[in-house]
Structures are given as C-alpha cells and as structure tokens.
Amino acid sequence: MVHLCKGHSIRAEITDEDEYGRTVAKCFLPDGRDLSEELVKQGLAIDWPKFSGGKYSKLEVAGIRKKLWLADARQKGRVHVLEKFDARKNGESKGK
C-alpha cells in the first residue's frame, strides 16, 4: 500500500458510518483509481460486502478467503472466535 499512496494526496468520499461510529469512506488515488480495488487485487484486503455490496469480490486473489477463514466466518456469524480458540486450547477438535 505504501508504494500506491506514499507522497500522494488520497481523496476520501464518506459513504457511511459503522455500528461503532467509525467513518466508512471510498478512497481514491490521484489518478482516480479506487484504492480498495487496488488493495483487493493485490491480496492486501478482502471484499467486505456489508459496505461494498460485493463490488470487489471477483477481484480477490485466489484462495485469500481460505487464508483468512476465521475472519470470514466471524463476519458471516458462523463461528464465534473465542469458542474456536477455547476448543483448541482444551484439546478439543471439531472434526478437522
């Protein structure tokens, strides 16, 4: 990301606010490229459909979600993170 942004002014368009009161914005490089799109294409980020509407999902690097399965599962409410780690700590296995 440094090579994309260092020494440049980045334009941010505020689009939303999340449930914690944090600002959500679309950011653009000086040449007009969408910074989120560039980060997803380079494998430095994943699409977050809650805010993007799935705009970047087809740009994700192959297998990136497998590497980040825990974050993906948590986002979709399938796995409670602390339960998963507690099970591992106690030597339990969930069939894997």
PDB file of N, CA and C in Angstrom:
ATOM      1  N   MET A   1       0.826  -1.177   0.000  1.00  0.00           N
ATOM      2  CA  MET A   1       0.000   0.000   0.000  1.00  0.00           C
ATOM      3  C   MET A   1       0.878   1.251   0.000  1.00  0.00           C
ATOM      4  N   VAL A   2       2.035   1.164   0.623  1.00  0.00           N
ATOM      5  CA  VAL A   2       2.913   2.326   0.695  1.00  0.00           C
ATOM      6  C   VAL A   2       3.270   2.812  -0.704  1.00  0.00           C
ATOM      7  N   HIS A   3       3.606   1.877  -1.607  1.00  0.00           N
ATOM      8  CA  HIS A   3       4.006   2.305  -2.948  1.00  0.00           C
ATOM      9  C   HIS A   3       2.855   2.963  -3.714  1.00  0.00           C
ATOM     10  N   LEU A   4       1.614   2.645  -3.362  1.00  0.00           N
ATOM     11  CA  LEU A   4       0.460   3.274  -4.014  1.00  0.00           C
ATOM     12  C   LEU A   4       0.201   4.685  -3.491  1.00  0.00           C
ATOM     13  N   CYS A   5       0.440   4.880  -2.193  1.00  0.00           N
ATOM     14  CA  CYS A   5      -0.016   6.106  -1.536  1.00  0.00           C
ATOM     15  C   CYS A   5       1.080   7.089  -1.139  1.00  0.00           C
ATOM     16  N   LYS A   6       2.290   6.609  -0.898  1.00  0.00           N
ATOM     17  CA  LYS A   6       3.350   7.464  -0.369  1.00  0.00           C
ATOM     18  C   LYS A   6       3.594   8.680  -1.261  1.00  0.00           C
ATOM     19  N   GLY A   7       3.537   9.847  -0.635  1.00  0.00           N
ATOM     20  CA  GLY A   7       3.793  11.086  -1.349  1.00  0.00           C
ATOM     21  C   GLY A   7       2.612  11.622  -2.136  1.00  0.00           C
ATOM     22  N   HIS A   8       1.464  10.968  -2.037  1.00  0.00           N
ATOM     23  CA  HIS A   8       0.276  11.378  -2.782  1.00  0.00           C
ATOM     24  C   HIS A   8      -0.844  11.807  -1.839  1.00  0.00           C
ATOM     25  N   SER A   9      -1.691  12.661  -2.330  1.00  0.00           N
ATOM     26  CA  SER A   9      -2.916  13.007  -1.605  1.00  0.00           C
ATOM     27  C   SER A   9      -3.987  12.017  -2.025  1.00  0.00           C
ATOM     28  N   ILE A  10      -4.652  11.432  -1.046  1.00  0.00           N
ATOM     29  CA  ILE A  10      -5.712  10.464  -1.301  1.00  0.00           C
ATOM     30  C   ILE A  10      -7.045  11.150  -1.038  1.00  0.00           C
ATOM     31  N   ARG A  11      -7.959  11.024  -1.981  1.00  0.00           N
ATOM     32  CA  ARG A  11      -9.289  11.632  -1.838  1.00  0.00           C
ATOM     33  C   ARG A  11     -10.225  10.617  -1.195  1.00  0.00           C
ATOM     34  N   ALA A  12     -10.941  11.042  -0.161  1.00  0.00           N
ATOM     35  CA  ALA A  12     -11.889  10.162   0.528  1.00  0.00           C
ATOM     36  C   ALA A  12     -13.295  10.721   0.392  1.00  0.00           C
ATOM     37  N   GLU A  13     -14.218   9.860  -0.007  1.00  0.00           N
ATOM     38  CA  GLU A  13     -15.635  10.217  -0.078  1.00  0.00           C
ATOM     39  C   GLU A  13     -16.354   9.444   1.020  1.00  0.00           C
ATOM     40  N   ILE A  14     -16.853  10.143   2.023  1.00  0.00           N
ATOM     41  CA  ILE A  14     -17.545   9.494   3.136  1.00  0.00           C
ATOM     42  C   ILE A  14     -18.859   8.914   2.632  1.00  0.00           C
ATOM     43  N   THR A  15     -19.065   7.630   2.943  1.00  0.00           N
ATOM     44  CA  THR A  15     -20.258   6.936   2.445  1.00  0.00           C
ATOM     45  C   THR A  15     -21.180   6.440   3.547  1.00  0.00           C
ATOM     46  N   ASP A  16     -20.642   6.238   4.752  1.00  0.00           N
ATOM     47  CA  ASP A  16     -21.447   5.597   5.791  1.00  0.00           C
ATOM     48  C   ASP A  16     -20.765   5.766   7.141  1.00  0.00           C
ATOM     49  N   GLU A  17     -21.411   5.215   8.146  1.00  0.00           N
ATOM     50  CA  GLU A  17     -20.840   5.110   9.482  1.00  0.00           C
ATOM     51  C   GLU A  17     -21.185   3.710   9.972  1.00  0.00           C
ATOM     52  N   ASP A  18     -20.205   3.016  10.566  1.00  0.00           N
ATOM     53  CA  ASP A  18     -20.497   1.659  11.039  1.00  0.00           C
ATOM     54  C   ASP A  18     -21.158   1.688  12.410  1.00  0.00           C
ATOM     55  N   GLU A  19     -21.466   0.500  12.924  1.00  0.00           N
ATOM     56  CA  GLU A  19     -22.201   0.410  14.189  1.00  0.00           C
ATOM     57  C   GLU A  19     -21.414   0.929  15.384  1.00  0.00           C
ATOM     58  N   TYR A  20     -20.107   1.165  15.204  1.00  0.00           N
ATOM     59  CA  TYR A  20     -19.273   1.696  16.281  1.00  0.00           C
ATOM     60  C   TYR A  20     -19.007   3.194  16.114  1.00  0.00           C
ATOM     61  N   GLY A  21     -19.658   3.807  15.133  1.00  0.00           N
ATOM     62  CA  GLY A  21     -19.496   5.236  14.905  1.00  0.00           C
ATOM     63  C   GLY A  21     -18.281   5.610  14.075  1.00  0.00           C
ATOM     64  N   ARG A  22     -17.614   4.607  13.486  1.00  0.00           N
ATOM     65  CA  ARG A  22     -16.445   4.893  12.649  1.00  0.00           C
ATOM     66  C   ARG A  22     -16.892   5.277  11.248  1.00  0.00           C
ATOM     67  N   THR A  23     -16.170   6.182  10.661  1.00  0.00           N
ATOM     68  CA  THR A  23     -16.467   6.643   9.311  1.00  0.00           C
ATOM     69  C   THR A  23     -16.085   5.576   8.289  1.00  0.00           C
ATOM     70  N   VAL A  24     -16.965   5.354   7.327  1.00  0.00           N
ATOM     71  CA  VAL A  24     -16.699   4.461   6.200  1.00  0.00           C
ATOM     72  C   VAL A  24     -16.593   5.357   4.976  1.00  0.00           C
ATOM     73  N   ALA A  25     -15.532   5.179   4.195  1.00  0.00           N
ATOM     74  CA  ALA A  25     -15.321   6.047   3.038  1.00  0.00           C
ATOM     75  C   ALA A  25     -14.746   5.259   1.867  1.00  0.00           C
ATOM     76  N   LYS A  26     -14.969   5.760   0.666  1.00  0.00           N
ATOM     77  CA  LYS A  26     -14.310   5.250  -0.535  1.00  0.00           C
ATOM     78  C   LYS A  26     -13.107   6.154  -0.749  1.00  0.00           C
ATOM     79  N   CYS A  27     -11.949   5.544  -0.980  1.00  0.00           N
ATOM     80  CA  CYS A  27     -10.721   6.318  -1.152  1.00  0.00           C
ATOM     81  C   CYS A  27     -10.195   6.149  -2.570  1.00  0.00           C
ATOM     82  N   PHE A  28      -9.692   7.251  -3.111  1.00  0.00           N
ATOM     83  CA  PHE A  28      -9.234   7.256  -4.496  1.00  0.00           C
ATOM     84  C   PHE A  28      -7.826   7.818  -4.599  1.00  0.00           C
ATOM     85  N   LEU A  29      -7.036   7.189  -5.462  1.00  0.00           N
ATOM     86  CA  LEU A  29      -5.685   7.649  -5.760  1.00  0.00           C
ATOM     87  C   LEU A  29      -5.760   8.886  -6.649  1.00  0.00           C
ATOM     88  N   PRO A  30      -4.671   9.645  -6.758  1.00  0.00           N
ATOM     89  CA  PRO A  30      -4.693  10.865  -7.575  1.00  0.00           C
ATOM     90  C   PRO A  30      -5.114  10.641  -9.029  1.00  0.00           C
ATOM     91  N   ASP A  31      -4.837   9.445  -9.576  1.00  0.00           N
ATOM     92  CA  ASP A  31      -5.212   9.168 -10.965  1.00  0.00           C
ATOM     93  C   ASP A  31      -6.652   8.662 -11.095  1.00  0.00           C
ATOM     94  N   GLY A  32      -7.395   8.635  -9.962  1.00  0.00           N
ATOM     95  CA  GLY A  32      -8.799   8.243  -9.989  1.00  0.00           C
ATOM     96  C   GLY A  32      -9.071   6.787  -9.675  1.00  0.00           C
ATOM     97  N   ARG A  33      -8.012   5.970  -9.555  1.00  0.00           N
ATOM     98  CA  ARG A  33      -8.220   4.558  -9.232  1.00  0.00           C
ATOM     99  C   ARG A  33      -8.776   4.408  -7.821  1.00  0.00           C
ATOM    100  N   ASP A  34      -9.638   3.423  -7.650  1.00  0.00           N
ATOM    101  CA  ASP A  34     -10.251   3.092  -6.367  1.00  0.00           C
ATOM    102  C   ASP A  34      -9.202   2.356  -5.521  1.00  0.00           C
ATOM    103  N   LEU A  35      -8.830   2.919  -4.385  1.00  0.00           N
ATOM    104  CA  LEU A  35      -7.800   2.322  -3.541  1.00  0.00           C
ATOM    105  C   LEU A  35      -8.218   0.941  -3.031  1.00  0.00           C
ATOM    106  N   SER A  36      -9.472   0.779  -2.667  1.00  0.00           N
ATOM    107  CA  SER A  36      -9.948  -0.530  -2.204  1.00  0.00           C
ATOM    108  C   SER A  36      -9.778  -1.584  -3.293  1.00  0.00           C
ATOM    109  N   GLU A  37     -10.123  -1.232  -4.503  1.00  0.00           N
ATOM    110  CA  GLU A  37      -9.986  -2.161  -5.629  1.00  0.00           C
ATOM    111  C   GLU A  37      -8.535  -2.592  -5.801  1.00  0.00           C
ATOM    112  N   GLU A  38      -7.633  -1.646  -5.727  1.00  0.00           N
ATOM    113  CA  GLU A  38      -6.210  -1.952  -5.884  1.00  0.00           C
ATOM    114  C   GLU A  38      -5.712  -2.864  -4.763  1.00  0.00           C
ATOM    115  N   LEU A  39      -6.140  -2.611  -3.533  1.00  0.00           N
ATOM    116  CA  LEU A  39      -5.709  -3.432  -2.401  1.00  0.00           C
ATOM    117  C   LEU A  39      -6.245  -4.856  -2.503  1.00  0.00           C
ATOM    118  N   VAL A  40      -7.498  -5.007  -2.923  1.00  0.00           N
ATOM    119  CA  VAL A  40      -8.083  -6.340  -3.083  1.00  0.00           C
ATOM    120  C   VAL A  40      -7.351  -7.091  -4.197  1.00  0.00           C
ATOM    121  N   LYS A  41      -7.097  -6.450  -5.317  1.00  0.00           N
ATOM    122  CA  LYS A  41      -6.407  -7.101  -6.437  1.00  0.00           C
ATOM    123  C   LYS A  41      -5.015  -7.577  -6.045  1.00  0.00           C
ATOM    124  N   GLN A  42      -4.357  -6.847  -5.148  1.00  0.00           N
ATOM    125  CA  GLN A  42      -3.002  -7.208  -4.728  1.00  0.00           C
ATOM    126  C   GLN A  42      -2.985  -8.206  -3.573  1.00  0.00           C
ATOM    127  N   GLY A  43      -4.158  -8.599  -3.087  1.00  0.00           N
ATOM    128  CA  GLY A  43      -4.227  -9.556  -1.988  1.00  0.00           C
ATOM    129  C   GLY A  43      -3.967  -8.946  -0.626  1.00  0.00           C
ATOM    130  N   LEU A  44      -4.015  -7.623  -0.540  1.00  0.00           N
ATOM    131  CA  LEU A  44      -3.779  -6.933   0.724  1.00  0.00           C
ATOM    132  C   LEU A  44      -5.065  -6.664   1.489  1.00  0.00           C
ATOM    133  N   ALA A  45      -6.199  -6.985   0.879  1.00  0.00           N
ATOM    134  CA  ALA A  45      -7.510  -6.782   1.508  1.00  0.00           C
ATOM    135  C   ALA A  45      -8.489  -7.769   0.887  1.00  0.00           C
ATOM    136  N   ILE A  46      -9.607  -7.974   1.582  1.00  0.00           N
ATOM    137  CA  ILE A  46     -10.695  -8.782   1.030  1.00  0.00           C
ATOM    138  C   ILE A  46     -11.922  -7.890   0.893  1.00  0.00           C
ATOM    139  N   ASP A  47     -12.837  -8.319   0.052  1.00  0.00           N
ATOM    140  CA  ASP A  47     -14.087  -7.582  -0.122  1.00  0.00           C
ATOM    141  C   ASP A  47     -14.893  -7.662   1.168  1.00  0.00           C
ATOM    142  N   TRP A  48     -15.527  -6.578   1.556  1.00  0.00           N
ATOM    143  CA  TRP A  48     -16.390  -6.532   2.737  1.00  0.00           C
ATOM    144  C   TRP A  48     -17.776  -6.149   2.247  1.00  0.00           C
ATOM    145  N   PRO A  49     -18.576  -7.138   1.826  1.00  0.00           N
ATOM    146  CA  PRO A  49     -19.863  -6.881   1.172  1.00  0.00           C
ATOM    147  C   PRO A  49     -20.829  -5.992   1.947  1.00  0.00           C
ATOM    148  N   LYS A  50     -20.702  -5.982   3.263  1.00  0.00           N
ATOM    149  CA  LYS A  50     -21.590  -5.139   4.071  1.00  0.00           C
ATOM    150  C   LYS A  50     -21.514  -3.685   3.614  1.00  0.00           C
ATOM    151  N   PHE A  51     -20.331  -3.250   3.219  1.00  0.00           N
ATOM    152  CA  PHE A  51     -20.154  -1.862   2.803  1.00  0.00           C
ATOM    153  C   PHE A  51     -19.955  -1.701   1.302  1.00  0.00           C
ATOM    154  N   SER A  52     -19.427  -2.738   0.622  1.00  0.00           N
ATOM    155  CA  SER A  52     -19.138  -2.611  -0.812  1.00  0.00           C
ATOM    156  C   SER A  52     -20.252  -3.135  -1.697  1.00  0.00           C
ATOM    157  N   GLY A  53     -21.178  -3.886  -1.109  1.00  0.00           N
ATOM    158  CA  GLY A  53     -22.204  -4.531  -1.916  1.00  0.00           C
ATOM    159  C   GLY A  53     -21.638  -5.659  -2.768  1.00  0.00           C
ATOM    160  N   GLY A  54     -20.434  -6.136  -2.425  1.00  0.00           N
ATOM    161  CA  GLY A  54     -19.796  -7.221  -3.172  1.00  0.00           C
ATOM    162  C   GLY A  54     -19.035  -6.754  -4.397  1.00  0.00           C
ATOM    163  N   LYS A  55     -18.840  -5.459  -4.513  1.00  0.00           N
ATOM    164  CA  LYS A  55     -18.195  -4.868  -5.692  1.00  0.00           C
ATOM    165  C   LYS A  55     -16.814  -5.457  -5.997  1.00  0.00           C
ATOM    166  N   TYR A  56     -16.070  -5.843  -4.963  1.00  0.00           N
ATOM    167  CA  TYR A  56     -14.691  -6.281  -5.162  1.00  0.00           C
ATOM    168  C   TYR A  56     -14.504  -7.796  -5.074  1.00  0.00           C
ATOM    169  N   SER A  57     -15.564  -8.548  -4.846  1.00  0.00           N
ATOM    170  CA  SER A  57     -15.420  -9.988  -4.586  1.00  0.00           C
ATOM    171  C   SER A  57     -14.750 -10.739  -5.733  1.00  0.00           C
ATOM    172  N   LYS A  58     -15.044 -10.401  -6.956  1.00  0.00           N
ATOM    173  CA  LYS A  58     -14.452 -11.106  -8.105  1.00  0.00           C
ATOM    174  C   LYS A  58     -12.989 -10.722  -8.331  1.00  0.00           C
ATOM    175  N   LEU A  59     -12.525  -9.692  -7.626  1.00  0.00           N
ATOM    176  CA  LEU A  59     -11.140  -9.251  -7.768  1.00  0.00           C
ATOM    177  C   LEU A  59     -10.209  -9.894  -6.744  1.00  0.00           C
ATOM    178  N   GLU A  60     -10.777 -10.630  -5.791  1.00  0.00           N
ATOM    179  CA  GLU A  60      -9.965 -11.218  -4.733  1.00  0.00           C
ATOM    180  C   GLU A  60      -8.969 -12.227  -5.291  1.00  0.00           C
ATOM    181  N   VAL A  61      -7.798 -12.258  -4.690  1.00  0.00           N
ATOM    182  CA  VAL A  61      -6.760 -13.213  -5.050  1.00  0.00           C
ATOM    183  C   VAL A  61      -7.274 -14.616  -4.724  1.00  0.00           C
ATOM    184  N   ALA A  62      -7.032 -15.558  -5.624  1.00  0.00           N
ATOM    185  CA  ALA A  62      -7.492 -16.941  -5.417  1.00  0.00           C
ATOM    186  C   ALA A  62      -6.999 -17.478  -4.080  1.00  0.00           C
ATOM    187  N   GLY A  63      -7.913 -18.055  -3.305  1.00  0.00           N
ATOM    188  CA  GLY A  63      -7.567 -18.672  -2.034  1.00  0.00           C
ATOM    189  C   GLY A  63      -7.433 -17.731  -0.855  1.00  0.00           C
ATOM    190  N   ILE A  64      -7.610 -16.447  -1.071  1.00  0.00           N
ATOM    191  CA  ILE A  64      -7.413 -15.485   0.019  1.00  0.00           C
ATOM    192  C   ILE A  64      -8.369 -15.736   1.176  1.00  0.00           C
ATOM    193  N   ARG A  65      -9.573 -16.163   0.880  1.00  0.00           N
ATOM    194  CA  ARG A  65     -10.550 -16.409   1.956  1.00  0.00           C
ATOM    195  C   ARG A  65     -10.187 -17.649   2.771  1.00  0.00           C
ATOM    196  N   LYS A  66      -9.527 -18.617   2.139  1.00  0.00           N
ATOM    197  CA  LYS A  66      -9.086 -19.795   2.899  1.00  0.00           C
ATOM    198  C   LYS A  66      -8.032 -19.389   3.917  1.00  0.00           C
ATOM    199  N   LYS A  67      -7.173 -18.468   3.530  1.00  0.00           N
ATOM    200  CA  LYS A  67      -6.138 -17.987   4.439  1.00  0.00           C
ATOM    201  C   LYS A  67      -6.740 -17.154   5.562  1.00  0.00           C
ATOM    202  N   LEU A  68      -7.841 -16.540   5.283  1.00  0.00           N
ATOM    203  CA  LEU A  68      -8.483 -15.670   6.269  1.00  0.00           C
ATOM    204  C   LEU A  68      -9.820 -16.237   6.710  1.00  0.00           C
ATOM    205  N   TRP A  69      -9.926 -17.570   6.747  1.00  0.00           N
ATOM    206  CA  TRP A  69     -11.214 -18.212   7.016  1.00  0.00           C
ATOM    207  C   TRP A  69     -11.823 -17.762   8.323  1.00  0.00           C
ATOM    208  N   LEU A  70     -11.026 -17.530   9.328  1.00  0.00           N
ATOM    209  CA  LEU A  70     -11.577 -17.158  10.622  1.00  0.00           C
ATOM    210  C   LEU A  70     -12.243 -15.791  10.552  1.00  0.00           C
ATOM    211  N   ALA A  71     -11.588 -14.841   9.884  1.00  0.00           N
ATOM    212  CA  ALA A  71     -12.187 -13.514   9.729  1.00  0.00           C
ATOM    213  C   ALA A  71     -13.465 -13.606   8.906  1.00  0.00           C
ATOM    214  N   ASP A  72     -13.444 -14.427   7.864  1.00  0.00           N
ATOM    215  CA  ASP A  72     -14.622 -14.593   7.018  1.00  0.00           C
ATOM    216  C   ASP A  72     -15.771 -15.223   7.804  1.00  0.00           C
ATOM    217  N   ALA A  73     -15.464 -16.262   8.563  1.00  0.00           N
ATOM    218  CA  ALA A  73     -16.506 -16.939   9.340  1.00  0.00           C
ATOM    219  C   ALA A  73     -17.088 -16.011  10.388  1.00  0.00           C
ATOM    220  N   ARG A  74     -16.237 -15.232  11.017  1.00  0.00           N
ATOM    221  CA  ARG A  74     -16.716 -14.296  12.032  1.00  0.00           C
ATOM    222  C   ARG A  74     -17.613 -13.240  11.407  1.00  0.00           C
ATOM    223  N   GLN A  75     -17.221 -12.738  10.233  1.00  0.00           N
ATOM    224  CA  GLN A  75     -18.017 -11.725   9.544  1.00  0.00           C
ATOM    225  C   GLN A  75     -19.409 -12.254   9.244  1.00  0.00           C
ATOM    226  N   LYS A  76     -19.493 -13.516   8.860  1.00  0.00           N
ATOM    227  CA  LYS A  76     -20.774 -14.097   8.473  1.00  0.00           C
ATOM    228  C   LYS A  76     -21.503 -14.729   9.655  1.00  0.00           C
ATOM    229  N   GLY A  77     -20.933 -14.611  10.859  1.00  0.00           N
ATOM    230  CA  GLY A  77     -21.585 -15.102  12.057  1.00  0.00           C
ATOM    231  C   GLY A  77     -21.615 -16.607  12.201  1.00  0.00           C
ATOM    232  N   ARG A  78     -20.732 -17.323  11.486  1.00  0.00           N
ATOM    233  CA  ARG A  78     -20.746 -18.791  11.547  1.00  0.00           C
ATOM    234  C   ARG A  78     -19.928 -19.344  12.706  1.00  0.00           C
ATOM    235  N   VAL A  79     -18.912 -18.628  13.126  1.00  0.00           N
ATOM    236  CA  VAL A  79     -18.031 -19.124  14.175  1.00  0.00           C
ATOM    237  C   VAL A  79     -17.800 -18.013  15.182  1.00  0.00           C
ATOM    238  N   HIS A  80     -17.981 -18.339  16.439  1.00  0.00           N
ATOM    239  CA  HIS A  80     -17.628 -17.384  17.477  1.00  0.00           C
ATOM    240  C   HIS A  80     -16.142 -17.589  17.751  1.00  0.00           C
ATOM    241  N   VAL A  81     -15.346 -16.568  17.545  1.00  0.00           N
ATOM    242  CA  VAL A  81     -13.891 -16.678  17.597  1.00  0.00           C
ATOM    243  C   VAL A  81     -13.399 -17.257  18.916  1.00  0.00           C
ATOM    244  N   LEU A  82     -13.878 -16.759  20.027  1.00  0.00           N
ATOM    245  CA  LEU A  82     -13.373 -17.228  21.312  1.00  0.00           C
ATOM    246  C   LEU A  82     -13.702 -18.696  21.553  1.00  0.00           C
ATOM    247  N   GLU A  83     -14.867 -19.150  21.116  1.00  0.00           N
ATOM    248  CA  GLU A  83     -15.219 -20.566  21.269  1.00  0.00           C
ATOM    249  C   GLU A  83     -14.239 -21.441  20.500  1.00  0.00           C
ATOM    250  N   LYS A  84     -13.883 -21.034  19.298  1.00  0.00           N
ATOM    251  CA  LYS A  84     -12.970 -21.811  18.462  1.00  0.00           C
ATOM    252  C   LYS A  84     -11.603 -21.930  19.137  1.00  0.00           C
ATOM    253  N   PHE A  85     -11.081 -20.806  19.629  1.00  0.00           N
ATOM    254  CA  PHE A  85      -9.775 -20.839  20.268  1.00  0.00           C
ATOM    255  C   PHE A  85      -9.814 -21.583  21.598  1.00  0.00           C
ATOM    256  N   ASP A  86     -10.888 -21.450  22.367  1.00  0.00           N
ATOM    257  CA  ASP A  86     -11.026 -22.183  23.622  1.00  0.00           C
ATOM    258  C   ASP A  86     -11.027 -23.683  23.364  1.00  0.00           C
ATOM    259  N   ALA A  87     -11.705 -24.127  22.314  1.00  0.00           N
ATOM    260  CA  ALA A  87     -11.754 -25.551  21.974  1.00  0.00           C
ATOM    261  C   ALA A  87     -10.356 -26.064  21.652  1.00  0.00           C
ATOM    262  N   ARG A  88      -9.580 -25.301  20.909  1.00  0.00           N
ATOM    263  CA  ARG A  88      -8.218 -25.713  20.574  1.00  0.00           C
ATOM    264  C   ARG A  88      -7.351 -25.776  21.831  1.00  0.00           C
ATOM    265  N   LYS A  89      -7.505 -24.791  22.695  1.00  0.00           N
ATOM    266  CA  LYS A  89      -6.706 -24.728  23.912  1.00  0.00           C
ATOM    267  C   LYS A  89      -6.981 -25.938  24.806  1.00  0.00           C
ATOM    268  N   ASN A  90      -8.216 -26.392  24.826  1.00  0.00           N
ATOM    269  CA  ASN A  90      -8.611 -27.528  25.655  1.00  0.00           C
ATOM    270  C   ASN A  90      -8.397 -28.872  24.965  1.00  0.00           C
ATOM    271  N   GLY A  91      -7.801 -28.868  23.768  1.00  0.00           N
ATOM    272  CA  GLY A  91      -7.506 -30.099  23.060  1.00  0.00           C
ATOM    273  C   GLY A  91      -8.687 -30.716  22.347  1.00  0.00           C
ATOM    274  N   GLU A  92      -9.773 -29.987  22.235  1.00  0.00           N
ATOM    275  CA  GLU A  92     -10.950 -30.495  21.537  1.00  0.00           C
ATOM    276  C   GLU A  92     -10.778 -30.273  20.045  1.00  0.00           C
ATOM    277  N   SER A  93     -11.450 -31.071  19.261  1.00  0.00           N
ATOM    278  CA  SER A  93     -11.419 -30.928  17.812  1.00  0.00           C
ATOM    279  C   SER A  93     -12.838 -30.944  17.297  1.00  0.00           C
ATOM    280  N   LYS A  94     -13.087 -30.154  16.274  1.00  0.00           N
ATOM    281  CA  LYS A  94     -14.426 -30.098  15.682  1.00  0.00           C
ATOM    282  C   LYS A  94     -14.437 -30.872  14.368  1.00  0.00           C
ATOM    283  N   GLY A  95     -13.767 -32.019  14.343  1.00  0.00           N
ATOM    284  CA  GLY A  95     -13.792 -32.870  13.158  1.00  0.00           C
ATOM    285  C   GLY A  95     -12.770 -32.501  12.112  1.00  0.00           C
ATOM    286  N   LYS A  96     -11.807 -31.687  12.461  1.00  0.00           N
ATOM    287  CA  LYS A  96     -10.795 -31.310  11.477  1.00  0.00           C
ATOM    288  C   LYS A  96      -9.426 -31.695  11.935  1.00  0.00           C
TER     289      LYS A  96
END
